[in-house]
Amino acid sequence: MTTYDDMRAKMIKQARREILTTLALQFSGQSMSFETVCSALLHLELPGEQPVMNDLTYLCERGYVRWTNERAMMPWKERMYKLTAKGKDFCDRIVSDPALEP
């Protein structure tokens, strides 16, 4: 039997993998907007935009995703994101990360 914390961790990992997979679709193309990333996660039925903001911040800090806008303090809805080479390696299963694995 799984606990609430186990289920929550599983959902967070799933959302982060989905973000990376969504950004991988545009790896060689243009950056993806915050709203497009949120739209791609509608099937997960997240409680709002805040979990997506938290996950994108985490993925940026880990080096999987980068924020491509030039201005430093851009509102969330105007931010653009792009998968890094490290993120692409994870999506292609060349490298693994226990923090994102199911």
C-alpha atoms as a PDB file:
ATOM      1  CA  MET A   1       0.000   0.000   0.000  1.00  0.00           C
ATOM      2  CA  THR A   2       1.377   3.397  -0.941  1.00  0.00           C
ATOM      3  CA  THR A   3       1.249   6.425   1.236  1.00  0.00           C
ATOM      4  CA  TYR A   4       0.090   9.906   0.285  1.00  0.00           C
ATOM      5  CA  ASP A   5       3.705  11.078   0.046  1.00  0.00           C
ATOM      6  CA  ASP A   6       4.571   8.219  -2.325  1.00  0.00           C
ATOM      7  CA  MET A   7       1.644   9.069  -4.590  1.00  0.00           C
ATOM      8  CA  ARG A   8       2.527  12.772  -4.517  1.00  0.00           C
ATOM      9  CA  ALA A   9       6.159  12.025  -5.409  1.00  0.00           C
ATOM     10  CA  LYS A  10       5.006   9.794  -8.266  1.00  0.00           C
ATOM     11  CA  MET A  11       2.771  12.561  -9.657  1.00  0.00           C
ATOM     12  CA  ILE A  12       5.540  15.171  -9.389  1.00  0.00           C
ATOM     13  CA  LYS A  13       7.971  12.899 -11.266  1.00  0.00           C
ATOM     14  CA  GLN A  14       5.344  12.214 -13.925  1.00  0.00           C
ATOM     15  CA  ALA A  15       4.669  15.944 -14.423  1.00  0.00           C
ATOM     16  CA  ARG A  16       8.407  16.668 -14.732  1.00  0.00           C
ATOM     17  CA  ARG A  17       8.885  13.873 -17.272  1.00  0.00           C
ATOM     18  CA  GLU A  18       5.881  15.164 -19.246  1.00  0.00           C
ATOM     19  CA  ILE A  19       7.382  18.677 -19.299  1.00  0.00           C
ATOM     20  CA  LEU A  20      10.671  17.299 -20.619  1.00  0.00           C
ATOM     21  CA  THR A  21       8.886  15.169 -23.214  1.00  0.00           C
ATOM     22  CA  THR A  22       6.828  18.167 -24.365  1.00  0.00           C
ATOM     23  CA  LEU A  23       9.932  20.333 -24.705  1.00  0.00           C
ATOM     24  CA  ALA A  24      11.742  17.514 -26.513  1.00  0.00           C
ATOM     25  CA  LEU A  25       9.226  17.838 -29.351  1.00  0.00           C
ATOM     26  CA  GLN A  26      10.650  21.298 -30.088  1.00  0.00           C
ATOM     27  CA  PHE A  27      14.295  20.512 -29.242  1.00  0.00           C
ATOM     28  CA  SER A  28      15.754  21.705 -32.530  1.00  0.00           C
ATOM     29  CA  GLY A  29      13.046  24.285 -33.140  1.00  0.00           C
ATOM     30  CA  GLN A  30      11.761  27.323 -31.333  1.00  0.00           C
ATOM     31  CA  SER A  31      11.378  27.774 -27.603  1.00  0.00           C
ATOM     32  CA  MET A  32       8.042  26.854 -26.047  1.00  0.00           C
ATOM     33  CA  SER A  33       5.919  29.307 -24.078  1.00  0.00           C
ATOM     34  CA  PHE A  34       4.866  28.737 -20.487  1.00  0.00           C
ATOM     35  CA  GLU A  35       1.220  28.562 -21.556  1.00  0.00           C
ATOM     36  CA  THR A  36       1.988  25.907 -24.180  1.00  0.00           C
ATOM     37  CA  VAL A  37       3.733  23.789 -21.562  1.00  0.00           C
ATOM     38  CA  CYS A  38       0.720  24.175 -19.242  1.00  0.00           C
ATOM     39  CA  SER A  39      -1.637  23.197 -22.068  1.00  0.00           C
ATOM     40  CA  ALA A  40       0.379  20.059 -22.753  1.00  0.00           C
ATOM     41  CA  LEU A  41      -0.131  19.002 -19.126  1.00  0.00           C
ATOM     42  CA  LEU A  42      -3.934  19.365 -19.054  1.00  0.00           C
ATOM     43  CA  HIS A  43      -4.379  15.581 -19.060  1.00  0.00           C
ATOM     44  CA  LEU A  44      -2.614  15.392 -15.680  1.00  0.00           C
ATOM     45  CA  GLU A  45      -5.343  17.555 -14.092  1.00  0.00           C
ATOM     46  CA  LEU A  46      -2.916  19.594 -12.001  1.00  0.00           C
ATOM     47  CA  PRO A  47      -4.490  21.972  -9.457  1.00  0.00           C
ATOM     48  CA  GLY A  48      -3.232  25.084 -11.275  1.00  0.00           C
ATOM     49  CA  GLU A  49      -0.180  26.771 -12.754  1.00  0.00           C
ATOM     50  CA  GLN A  50       1.853  26.793  -9.540  1.00  0.00           C
ATOM     51  CA  PRO A  51       2.969  23.132  -9.784  1.00  0.00           C
ATOM     52  CA  VAL A  52       4.132  23.770 -13.364  1.00  0.00           C
ATOM     53  CA  MET A  53       6.064  26.841 -12.201  1.00  0.00           C
ATOM     54  CA  ASN A  54       7.697  24.795  -9.440  1.00  0.00           C
ATOM     55  CA  ASP A  55       8.600  21.962 -11.800  1.00  0.00           C
ATOM     56  CA  LEU A  56      10.026  24.290 -14.465  1.00  0.00           C
ATOM     57  CA  THR A  57      12.098  26.061 -11.806  1.00  0.00           C
ATOM     58  CA  TYR A  58      13.401  22.688 -10.593  1.00  0.00           C
ATOM     59  CA  LEU A  59      14.202  21.504 -14.119  1.00  0.00           C
ATOM     60  CA  CYS A  60      16.026  24.768 -14.874  1.00  0.00           C
ATOM     61  CA  GLU A  61      18.076  24.467 -11.687  1.00  0.00           C
ATOM     62  CA  ARG A  62      19.012  20.870 -12.594  1.00  0.00           C
ATOM     63  CA  GLY A  63      20.095  21.936 -16.089  1.00  0.00           C
ATOM     64  CA  TYR A  64      17.444  20.049 -18.078  1.00  0.00           C
ATOM     65  CA  VAL A  65      15.616  23.154 -19.276  1.00  0.00           C
ATOM     66  CA  ARG A  66      16.664  26.742 -19.855  1.00  0.00           C
ATOM     67  CA  TRP A  67      14.727  29.967 -19.881  1.00  0.00           C
ATOM     68  CA  THR A  68      15.357  31.659 -23.232  1.00  0.00           C
ATOM     69  CA  ASN A  69      14.040  35.197 -22.690  1.00  0.00           C
ATOM     70  CA  GLU A  70      16.624  37.934 -22.412  1.00  0.00           C
ATOM     71  CA  ARG A  71      14.973  40.136 -19.776  1.00  0.00           C
ATOM     72  CA  ALA A  72      15.742  39.133 -16.209  1.00  0.00           C
ATOM     73  CA  MET A  73      12.361  39.582 -14.495  1.00  0.00           C
ATOM     74  CA  MET A  74       9.874  38.360 -17.087  1.00  0.00           C
ATOM     75  CA  PRO A  75       6.301  37.481 -15.975  1.00  0.00           C
ATOM     76  CA  TRP A  76       5.649  33.727 -16.038  1.00  0.00           C
ATOM     77  CA  LYS A  77       3.092  33.899 -18.839  1.00  0.00           C
ATOM     78  CA  GLU A  78       5.660  35.535 -21.142  1.00  0.00           C
ATOM     79  CA  ARG A  79       8.549  33.163 -20.459  1.00  0.00           C
ATOM     80  CA  MET A  80       9.873  30.814 -23.128  1.00  0.00           C
ATOM     81  CA  TYR A  81      11.589  27.506 -22.380  1.00  0.00           C
ATOM     82  CA  LYS A  82      13.855  25.191 -24.300  1.00  0.00           C
ATOM     83  CA  LEU A  83      15.223  21.748 -23.546  1.00  0.00           C
ATOM     84  CA  THR A  84      18.990  21.583 -23.007  1.00  0.00           C
ATOM     85  CA  ALA A  85      21.260  18.850 -24.321  1.00  0.00           C
ATOM     86  CA  LYS A  86      21.198  17.276 -20.849  1.00  0.00           C
ATOM     87  CA  GLY A  87      17.390  17.243 -20.964  1.00  0.00           C
ATOM     88  CA  LYS A  88      17.429  15.689 -24.438  1.00  0.00           C
ATOM     89  CA  ASP A  89      19.806  12.967 -23.218  1.00  0.00           C
ATOM     90  CA  PHE A  90      17.350  12.170 -20.407  1.00  0.00           C
ATOM     91  CA  CYS A  91      14.389  12.052 -22.809  1.00  0.00           C
ATOM     92  CA  ASP A  92      16.311   9.761 -25.157  1.00  0.00           C
ATOM     93  CA  ARG A  93      17.195   7.540 -22.173  1.00  0.00           C
ATOM     94  CA  ILE A  94      20.933   8.031 -22.681  1.00  0.00           C
ATOM     95  CA  VAL A  95      21.267   9.160 -19.076  1.00  0.00           C
ATOM     96  CA  SER A  96      19.042   8.455 -16.094  1.00  0.00           C
ATOM     97  CA  ASP A  97      18.082  10.480 -13.057  1.00  0.00           C
ATOM     98  CA  PRO A  98      16.521   8.800 -10.016  1.00  0.00           C
ATOM     99  CA  ALA A  99      14.728  12.062  -9.184  1.00  0.00           C
ATOM    100  CA  LEU A 100      12.727  11.770 -12.422  1.00  0.00           C
ATOM    101  CA  GLU A 101      12.399   8.012 -12.892  1.00  0.00           C
ATOM    102  CA  PRO A 102       9.054   6.356 -12.141  1.00  0.00           C
END
